[in-house]
Amino acid sequence: MMKLVLASSNPGKLAELRDLLGDAGVDLHAQTEFGVEDAEETGLTFVENAILKARHASRATGLPALADDSGLCVDALNGAPGLYSARYAGGHGDHAANIAKLLDALRDVPDARRSARFVSVLALLRHADDPQPLIAEGVWEGRVLSAPRGSGGFGYDPVFFAHDQGMGAAELDAVLKNRVSHRGLALATMREKLLAAVRRE
């Protein structure tokens, strides 16, 4: 069993990852259990930020660390909000304000030009100076709706229409969403890499 620290203070993300990685030989703990605060996200890509967060947690705890960096990339906005999705409107994690700002930025953009995708990158470092971190990426294609729909999910889910499901992300059953979403896809890839790593040990 590999003991891993999750480079996040989000209890929802911890529960989701524990469920999805439960049979991969992983004992996952939040960084808050070790008194570790969030790392400063100074990278210019999702990959860089995921590695920064994992390295910070690993160095502080001495344990292997798993980190996720994700966001919504909108073509008509040159990829924004992208890396800054969680703090697009200024405050970190203010979902309502972020959605309002996004819809305002797209108010004159027709449906045909509102293409977007959720991106999730996971990075696992076996130790703080690991030169070859495990990386997994998931991409969920869709478009931005003109108004919120559905009551599930979080973040930008109420205004994201998932092409593969033919409905809004916030309208999906949580179990299905966790399987088909950007994070679900990245986790499926990371799970296979983890299983291979555990088998090698």
C-alpha atoms as a PDB file:
ATOM      1  CA  MET A   1       0.000   0.000   0.000  1.00  0.00           C
ATOM      2  CA  MET A   2       1.440   3.360  -1.077  1.00  0.00           C
ATOM      3  CA  LYS A   3       0.783   6.226   1.356  1.00  0.00           C
ATOM      4  CA  LEU A   4       0.123   9.388  -0.643  1.00  0.00           C
ATOM      5  CA  VAL A   5      -0.518  12.997   0.332  1.00  0.00           C
ATOM      6  CA  LEU A   6      -3.035  14.915  -1.769  1.00  0.00           C
ATOM      7  CA  ALA A   7      -1.786  18.437  -2.492  1.00  0.00           C
ATOM      8  CA  SER A   8      -5.184  19.997  -1.852  1.00  0.00           C
ATOM      9  CA  SER A   9      -7.253  21.330   1.043  1.00  0.00           C
ATOM     10  CA  ASN A  10     -10.528  20.439  -0.713  1.00  0.00           C
ATOM     11  CA  PRO A  11     -12.397  17.670   1.192  1.00  0.00           C
ATOM     12  CA  GLY A  12     -14.663  16.996  -1.817  1.00  0.00           C
ATOM     13  CA  LYS A  13     -11.672  16.361  -4.047  1.00  0.00           C
ATOM     14  CA  LEU A  14     -10.151  14.041  -1.412  1.00  0.00           C
ATOM     15  CA  ALA A  15     -13.342  11.962  -1.207  1.00  0.00           C
ATOM     16  CA  GLU A  16     -13.641  11.777  -5.005  1.00  0.00           C
ATOM     17  CA  LEU A  17     -10.031  10.702  -5.453  1.00  0.00           C
ATOM     18  CA  ARG A  18     -10.238   8.134  -2.645  1.00  0.00           C
ATOM     19  CA  ASP A  19     -13.240   6.535  -4.354  1.00  0.00           C
ATOM     20  CA  LEU A  20     -11.577   6.419  -7.745  1.00  0.00           C
ATOM     21  CA  LEU A  21      -8.187   5.220  -6.504  1.00  0.00           C
ATOM     22  CA  GLY A  22      -9.453   2.859  -3.790  1.00  0.00           C
ATOM     23  CA  ASP A  23      -8.362  -0.346  -5.542  1.00  0.00           C
ATOM     24  CA  ALA A  24      -5.039   0.997  -6.800  1.00  0.00           C
ATOM     25  CA  GLY A  25      -3.054   0.214  -3.634  1.00  0.00           C
ATOM     26  CA  VAL A  26      -3.136   3.840  -2.448  1.00  0.00           C
ATOM     27  CA  ASP A  27      -3.721   5.250   1.058  1.00  0.00           C
ATOM     28  CA  LEU A  28      -4.581   8.909   0.324  1.00  0.00           C
ATOM     29  CA  HIS A  29      -4.406  11.704   2.928  1.00  0.00           C
ATOM     30  CA  ALA A  30      -5.107  15.428   2.570  1.00  0.00           C
ATOM     31  CA  GLN A  31      -2.163  17.782   3.072  1.00  0.00           C
ATOM     32  CA  THR A  32      -4.162  19.547   5.796  1.00  0.00           C
ATOM     33  CA  GLU A  33      -3.735  16.422   7.971  1.00  0.00           C
ATOM     34  CA  PHE A  34      -0.033  17.324   8.059  1.00  0.00           C
ATOM     35  CA  GLY A  35      -0.532  21.076   8.529  1.00  0.00           C
ATOM     36  CA  VAL A  36       0.525  21.863   4.957  1.00  0.00           C
ATOM     37  CA  GLU A  37      -0.939  24.974   3.336  1.00  0.00           C
ATOM     38  CA  ASP A  38      -1.643  25.403  -0.374  1.00  0.00           C
ATOM     39  CA  ALA A  39       1.329  26.088  -2.616  1.00  0.00           C
ATOM     40  CA  GLU A  40       1.647  29.305  -4.599  1.00  0.00           C
ATOM     41  CA  GLU A  41       0.600  28.517  -8.169  1.00  0.00           C
ATOM     42  CA  THR A  42       3.179  30.362 -10.258  1.00  0.00           C
ATOM     43  CA  GLY A  43       3.312  28.018 -13.254  1.00  0.00           C
ATOM     44  CA  LEU A  44       2.218  29.020 -16.749  1.00  0.00           C
ATOM     45  CA  THR A  45       0.593  25.670 -17.591  1.00  0.00           C
ATOM     46  CA  PHE A  46      -1.628  23.131 -15.831  1.00  0.00           C
ATOM     47  CA  VAL A  47       1.302  20.678 -15.829  1.00  0.00           C
ATOM     48  CA  GLU A  48       3.645  23.158 -14.146  1.00  0.00           C
ATOM     49  CA  ASN A  49       1.120  24.037 -11.455  1.00  0.00           C
ATOM     50  CA  ALA A  50       0.287  20.401 -10.727  1.00  0.00           C
ATOM     51  CA  ILE A  51       3.994  19.606 -10.305  1.00  0.00           C
ATOM     52  CA  LEU A  52       4.537  22.707  -8.126  1.00  0.00           C
ATOM     53  CA  LYS A  53       1.698  21.682  -5.819  1.00  0.00           C
ATOM     54  CA  ALA A  54       2.819  18.052  -5.603  1.00  0.00           C
ATOM     55  CA  ARG A  55       6.444  19.045  -4.936  1.00  0.00           C
ATOM     56  CA  HIS A  56       5.382  21.468  -2.186  1.00  0.00           C
ATOM     57  CA  ALA A  57       3.296  18.791  -0.418  1.00  0.00           C
ATOM     58  CA  SER A  58       5.956  16.113  -0.825  1.00  0.00           C
ATOM     59  CA  ARG A  59       8.737  18.333   0.509  1.00  0.00           C
ATOM     60  CA  ALA A  60       6.649  19.350   3.533  1.00  0.00           C
ATOM     61  CA  THR A  61       5.583  15.798   4.431  1.00  0.00           C
ATOM     62  CA  GLY A  62       8.348  13.556   3.137  1.00  0.00           C
ATOM     63  CA  LEU A  63       5.690  11.463   1.364  1.00  0.00           C
ATOM     64  CA  PRO A  64       4.845  10.843  -2.292  1.00  0.00           C
ATOM     65  CA  ALA A  65       2.320  13.477  -3.394  1.00  0.00           C
ATOM     66  CA  LEU A  66      -0.526  13.712  -5.881  1.00  0.00           C
ATOM     67  CA  ALA A  67      -1.774  17.044  -7.215  1.00  0.00           C
ATOM     68  CA  ASP A  68      -4.446  18.167  -9.648  1.00  0.00           C
ATOM     69  CA  ASP A  69      -4.579  21.398 -11.622  1.00  0.00           C
ATOM     70  CA  SER A  70      -7.616  22.007 -13.751  1.00  0.00           C
ATOM     71  CA  GLY A  71      -9.701  24.675 -15.405  1.00  0.00           C
ATOM     72  CA  LEU A  72     -12.064  25.702 -18.173  1.00  0.00           C
ATOM     73  CA  CYS A  73     -10.549  26.884 -21.468  1.00  0.00           C
ATOM     74  CA  VAL A  74     -12.845  28.868 -23.790  1.00  0.00           C
ATOM     75  CA  ASP A  75     -11.745  29.277 -27.416  1.00  0.00           C
ATOM     76  CA  ALA A  76     -13.461  32.630 -27.959  1.00  0.00           C
ATOM     77  CA  LEU A  77     -11.547  34.009 -24.947  1.00  0.00           C
ATOM     78  CA  ASN A  78      -8.137  32.737 -26.112  1.00  0.00           C
ATOM     79  CA  GLY A  79      -8.199  29.955 -23.533  1.00  0.00           C
ATOM     80  CA  ALA A  80      -9.409  32.018 -20.571  1.00  0.00           C
ATOM     81  CA  PRO A  81     -10.227  31.569 -17.769  1.00  0.00           C
ATOM     82  CA  GLY A  82      -7.780  28.641 -18.036  1.00  0.00           C
ATOM     83  CA  LEU A  83      -5.222  28.561 -15.218  1.00  0.00           C
ATOM     84  CA  TYR A  84      -7.157  31.263 -13.389  1.00  0.00           C
ATOM     85  CA  SER A  85     -10.536  29.491 -13.479  1.00  0.00           C
ATOM     86  CA  ALA A  86     -10.934  29.324  -9.687  1.00  0.00           C
ATOM     87  CA  ARG A  87     -10.155  33.023  -9.247  1.00  0.00           C
ATOM     88  CA  TYR A  88     -11.414  34.409 -12.564  1.00  0.00           C
ATOM     89  CA  ALA A  89     -13.586  37.063 -10.875  1.00  0.00           C
ATOM     90  CA  GLY A  90     -10.967  37.900  -8.237  1.00  0.00           C
ATOM     91  CA  GLY A  91     -11.813  35.860  -5.150  1.00  0.00           C
ATOM     92  CA  HIS A  92     -10.701  32.234  -5.038  1.00  0.00           C
ATOM     93  CA  GLY A  93     -13.561  29.764  -5.439  1.00  0.00           C
ATOM     94  CA  ASP A  94     -16.403  32.302  -5.853  1.00  0.00           C
ATOM     95  CA  HIS A  95     -18.319  30.137  -8.336  1.00  0.00           C
ATOM     96  CA  ALA A  96     -21.270  32.508  -8.835  1.00  0.00           C
ATOM     97  CA  ALA A  97     -19.024  35.501  -9.550  1.00  0.00           C
ATOM     98  CA  ASN A  98     -16.823  33.459 -11.894  1.00  0.00           C
ATOM     99  CA  ILE A  99     -19.846  32.266 -13.884  1.00  0.00           C
ATOM    100  CA  ALA A 100     -21.290  35.786 -14.054  1.00  0.00           C
ATOM    101  CA  LYS A 101     -18.012  37.169 -15.400  1.00  0.00           C
ATOM    102  CA  LEU A 102     -17.718  34.349 -17.952  1.00  0.00           C
ATOM    103  CA  LEU A 103     -21.280  34.814 -19.245  1.00  0.00           C
ATOM    104  CA  ASP A 104     -20.732  38.570 -19.475  1.00  0.00           C
ATOM    105  CA  ALA A 105     -17.525  38.064 -21.492  1.00  0.00           C
ATOM    106  CA  LEU A 106     -19.459  35.815 -23.920  1.00  0.00           C
ATOM    107  CA  ARG A 107     -22.732  37.771 -24.064  1.00  0.00           C
ATOM    108  CA  ASP A 108     -22.332  38.671 -27.764  1.00  0.00           C
ATOM    109  CA  VAL A 109     -20.789  35.336 -28.814  1.00  0.00           C
ATOM    110  CA  PRO A 110     -23.164  32.958 -30.666  1.00  0.00           C
ATOM    111  CA  ASP A 111     -23.526  29.295 -29.636  1.00  0.00           C
ATOM    112  CA  ALA A 112     -21.470  28.108 -32.602  1.00  0.00           C
ATOM    113  CA  ARG A 113     -18.441  30.024 -31.293  1.00  0.00           C
ATOM    114  CA  ARG A 114     -18.758  29.122 -27.589  1.00  0.00           C
ATOM    115  CA  SER A 115     -16.619  25.967 -27.779  1.00  0.00           C
ATOM    116  CA  ALA A 116     -14.762  25.133 -24.585  1.00  0.00           C
ATOM    117  CA  ARG A 117     -13.141  22.290 -22.714  1.00  0.00           C
ATOM    118  CA  PHE A 118     -12.409  21.343 -19.146  1.00  0.00           C
ATOM    119  CA  VAL A 119      -8.790  20.266 -18.659  1.00  0.00           C
ATOM    120  CA  SER A 120      -7.382  18.321 -15.710  1.00  0.00           C
ATOM    121  CA  VAL A 121      -3.737  17.435 -15.183  1.00  0.00           C
ATOM    122  CA  LEU A 122      -2.642  15.112 -12.384  1.00  0.00           C
ATOM    123  CA  ALA A 123       0.969  14.899 -11.246  1.00  0.00           C
ATOM    124  CA  LEU A 124       2.378  12.306  -8.857  1.00  0.00           C
ATOM    125  CA  LEU A 125       5.847  12.765  -7.385  1.00  0.00           C
ATOM    126  CA  ARG A 126       7.386   9.821  -5.523  1.00  0.00           C
ATOM    127  CA  HIS A 127       9.585  12.312  -3.611  1.00  0.00           C
ATOM    128  CA  ALA A 128      10.108  16.075  -3.713  1.00  0.00           C
ATOM    129  CA  ASP A 129      13.025  15.870  -6.168  1.00  0.00           C
ATOM    130  CA  ASP A 130      11.484  13.211  -8.424  1.00  0.00           C
ATOM    131  CA  PRO A 131      12.881  13.898 -11.932  1.00  0.00           C
ATOM    132  CA  GLN A 132      10.220  11.765 -13.622  1.00  0.00           C
ATOM    133  CA  PRO A 133       6.778  12.522 -12.163  1.00  0.00           C
ATOM    134  CA  LEU A 134       3.790  10.508 -13.328  1.00  0.00           C
ATOM    135  CA  ILE A 135       1.554  12.788 -15.420  1.00  0.00           C
ATOM    136  CA  ALA A 136      -2.016  12.159 -16.569  1.00  0.00           C
ATOM    137  CA  GLU A 137      -4.294  14.512 -18.503  1.00  0.00           C
ATOM    138  CA  GLY A 138      -8.022  14.485 -19.128  1.00  0.00           C
ATOM    139  CA  VAL A 139      -9.961  16.735 -21.525  1.00  0.00           C
ATOM    140  CA  TRP A 140     -13.761  17.124 -21.631  1.00  0.00           C
ATOM    141  CA  GLU A 141     -15.053  18.896 -24.763  1.00  0.00           C
ATOM    142  CA  GLY A 142     -18.172  21.036 -24.840  1.00  0.00           C
ATOM    143  CA  ARG A 143     -19.404  24.612 -25.040  1.00  0.00           C
ATOM    144  CA  VAL A 144     -20.475  27.370 -22.698  1.00  0.00           C
ATOM    145  CA  LEU A 145     -24.236  27.721 -22.276  1.00  0.00           C
ATOM    146  CA  SER A 146     -25.919  31.128 -22.310  1.00  0.00           C
ATOM    147  CA  ALA A 147     -27.437  30.551 -18.842  1.00  0.00           C
ATOM    148  CA  PRO A 148     -26.948  28.060 -15.962  1.00  0.00           C
ATOM    149  CA  ARG A 149     -28.725  24.679 -16.163  1.00  0.00           C
ATOM    150  CA  GLY A 150     -29.022  21.875 -13.623  1.00  0.00           C
ATOM    151  CA  SER A 151     -28.428  21.669  -9.893  1.00  0.00           C
ATOM    152  CA  GLY A 152     -25.466  19.282  -9.587  1.00  0.00           C
ATOM    153  CA  GLY A 153     -21.732  19.667  -9.773  1.00  0.00           C
ATOM    154  CA  PHE A 154     -19.749  22.746  -8.805  1.00  0.00           C
ATOM    155  CA  GLY A 155     -17.621  25.479 -10.345  1.00  0.00           C
ATOM    156  CA  TYR A 156     -18.492  26.083 -13.992  1.00  0.00           C
ATOM    157  CA  ASP A 157     -20.596  22.901 -14.327  1.00  0.00           C
ATOM    158  CA  PRO A 158     -23.926  24.819 -14.540  1.00  0.00           C
ATOM    159  CA  VAL A 159     -22.810  26.595 -17.736  1.00  0.00           C
ATOM    160  CA  PHE A 160     -20.893  23.754 -19.412  1.00  0.00           C
ATOM    161  CA  PHE A 161     -22.658  21.668 -22.050  1.00  0.00           C
ATOM    162  CA  ALA A 162     -20.909  18.305 -22.476  1.00  0.00           C
ATOM    163  CA  HIS A 163     -20.940  17.186 -26.125  1.00  0.00           C
ATOM    164  CA  ASP A 164     -20.467  13.499 -25.296  1.00  0.00           C
ATOM    165  CA  GLN A 165     -23.467  13.442 -22.942  1.00  0.00           C
ATOM    166  CA  GLY A 166     -25.761  15.846 -24.829  1.00  0.00           C
ATOM    167  CA  MET A 167     -26.564  17.789 -21.653  1.00  0.00           C
ATOM    168  CA  GLY A 168     -25.148  20.201 -19.135  1.00  0.00           C
ATOM    169  CA  ALA A 169     -22.504  19.012 -16.664  1.00  0.00           C
ATOM    170  CA  ALA A 170     -24.697  20.112 -13.743  1.00  0.00           C
ATOM    171  CA  GLU A 171     -27.544  17.934 -15.102  1.00  0.00           C
ATOM    172  CA  LEU A 172     -25.505  14.728 -14.943  1.00  0.00           C
ATOM    173  CA  ASP A 173     -25.718  12.087 -12.236  1.00  0.00           C
ATOM    174  CA  ALA A 174     -22.672  12.522  -9.977  1.00  0.00           C
ATOM    175  CA  VAL A 175     -21.398   8.963 -10.511  1.00  0.00           C
ATOM    176  CA  LEU A 176     -21.608   9.324 -14.298  1.00  0.00           C
ATOM    177  CA  LYS A 177     -20.031  12.769 -14.217  1.00  0.00           C
ATOM    178  CA  ASN A 178     -17.075  11.527 -12.172  1.00  0.00           C
ATOM    179  CA  ARG A 179     -16.454   8.841 -14.792  1.00  0.00           C
ATOM    180  CA  VAL A 180     -16.742  10.937 -17.980  1.00  0.00           C
ATOM    181  CA  SER A 181     -15.388  14.299 -16.817  1.00  0.00           C
ATOM    182  CA  HIS A 182     -11.899  15.686 -17.386  1.00  0.00           C
ATOM    183  CA  ARG A 183     -10.861  14.693 -13.855  1.00  0.00           C
ATOM    184  CA  GLY A 184     -12.415  11.247 -14.226  1.00  0.00           C
ATOM    185  CA  LEU A 185     -10.491  10.653 -17.451  1.00  0.00           C
ATOM    186  CA  ALA A 186      -7.216  11.879 -15.938  1.00  0.00           C
ATOM    187  CA  LEU A 187      -7.773   9.685 -12.894  1.00  0.00           C
ATOM    188  CA  ALA A 188      -8.429   6.601 -14.999  1.00  0.00           C
ATOM    189  CA  THR A 189      -5.064   7.125 -16.700  1.00  0.00           C
ATOM    190  CA  MET A 190      -3.292   7.847 -13.397  1.00  0.00           C
ATOM    191  CA  ARG A 191      -4.881   4.770 -11.808  1.00  0.00           C
ATOM    192  CA  GLU A 192      -3.341   2.551 -14.498  1.00  0.00           C
ATOM    193  CA  LYS A 193       0.045   4.201 -14.003  1.00  0.00           C
ATOM    194  CA  LEU A 194      -0.234   3.738 -10.231  1.00  0.00           C
ATOM    195  CA  LEU A 195      -1.173   0.072 -10.569  1.00  0.00           C
ATOM    196  CA  ALA A 196       1.858  -0.463 -12.813  1.00  0.00           C
ATOM    197  CA  ALA A 197       4.105   1.351 -10.310  1.00  0.00           C
ATOM    198  CA  VAL A 198       2.790  -0.675  -7.355  1.00  0.00           C
ATOM    199  CA  ARG A 199       3.337  -3.916  -9.307  1.00  0.00           C
ATOM    200  CA  ARG A 200       6.958  -2.933  -9.938  1.00  0.00           C
ATOM    201  CA  GLU A 201       7.645  -2.349  -6.221  1.00  0.00           C
END
